[in-house]
């Protein structure tokens, strides 16, 4: 196993942790949305990471993000 394999493994682990962090943030948000929307937001965040988190957050009405 050379250094490129170790680097690639560490980058994939970091990317996986990043996706999990954004999923957790979407599930524990203080936004006033239903549980179905909250879980959908978490799923999108888990699959797409920060991009999914922020794209879905921009689709929410501003009243729910107080």
Protein backbone atom coordinates (compact mmCIF):
# COMPACT_ATOMS: atom_id res chain seq x y z
CA UNK A 1 0.00 0.00 0.00
CA UNK A 2 1.57 3.27 -1.04
CA UNK A 3 0.97 6.83 0.14
CA UNK A 4 -1.61 7.55 -2.56
CA UNK A 5 -3.86 4.78 -1.22
CA UNK A 6 -3.60 6.13 2.32
CA UNK A 7 -4.32 9.66 1.14
CA UNK A 8 -7.33 8.52 -0.86
CA UNK A 9 -8.69 6.54 2.10
CA UNK A 10 -8.31 9.54 4.42
CA UNK A 11 -10.00 11.85 1.93
CA UNK A 12 -12.95 9.46 1.55
CA UNK A 13 -13.31 9.15 5.32
CA UNK A 14 -13.23 12.95 5.63
CA UNK A 15 -15.85 13.32 2.91
CA UNK A 16 -18.06 10.75 4.62
CA UNK A 17 -17.76 12.59 7.95
CA UNK A 18 -18.59 15.90 6.26
CA UNK A 19 -21.79 14.43 4.82
CA UNK A 20 -22.75 13.02 8.21
CA UNK A 21 -22.18 16.39 9.90
CA UNK A 22 -24.45 18.19 7.44
CA UNK A 23 -27.10 15.48 7.79
CA UNK A 24 -26.99 15.84 11.58
CA UNK A 25 -27.30 19.62 11.31
CA UNK A 26 -30.35 19.29 9.04
CA UNK A 27 -32.04 16.86 11.45
CA UNK A 28 -31.39 19.01 14.54
CA UNK A 29 -32.28 22.38 13.01
CA UNK A 30 -34.49 24.84 14.87
CA UNK A 31 -36.46 25.62 11.71
CA UNK A 32 -40.21 25.24 12.07
CA UNK A 33 -40.79 22.50 9.50
CA UNK A 34 -42.55 19.14 9.62
CA UNK A 35 -40.69 15.95 10.46
CA UNK A 36 -41.13 14.67 6.90
CA UNK A 37 -39.40 17.78 5.49
CA UNK A 38 -36.75 17.54 8.20
CA UNK A 39 -35.94 13.91 7.31
CA UNK A 40 -36.01 14.71 3.59
CA UNK A 41 -33.57 17.57 4.22
CA UNK A 42 -31.37 15.20 6.21
CA UNK A 43 -31.43 12.62 3.41
CA UNK A 44 -30.55 15.19 0.77
CA UNK A 45 -27.75 16.46 3.00
CA UNK A 46 -26.45 12.95 3.54
CA UNK A 47 -26.38 12.20 -0.18
CA UNK A 48 -25.11 15.54 -1.44
CA UNK A 49 -23.28 16.97 1.59
CA UNK A 50 -23.02 20.76 1.91
CA UNK A 51 -24.51 21.32 -1.54
CA UNK A 52 -27.70 19.46 -0.67
CA UNK A 53 -27.92 21.14 2.74
CA UNK A 54 -27.70 24.68 1.39
CA UNK A 55 -29.82 24.08 -1.73
CA UNK A 56 -32.68 22.68 0.35
CA UNK A 57 -32.28 25.44 2.95
CA UNK A 58 -32.72 28.03 0.19
CA UNK A 59 -36.00 26.35 -0.81
CA UNK A 60 -37.48 26.76 2.68
CA UNK A 61 -39.67 29.83 3.32
CA UNK A 62 -37.89 32.47 5.36
CA UNK A 63 -40.60 32.38 8.05
CA UNK A 64 -39.57 28.83 8.99
CA UNK A 65 -35.90 29.78 9.49
CA UNK A 66 -36.42 32.27 12.34
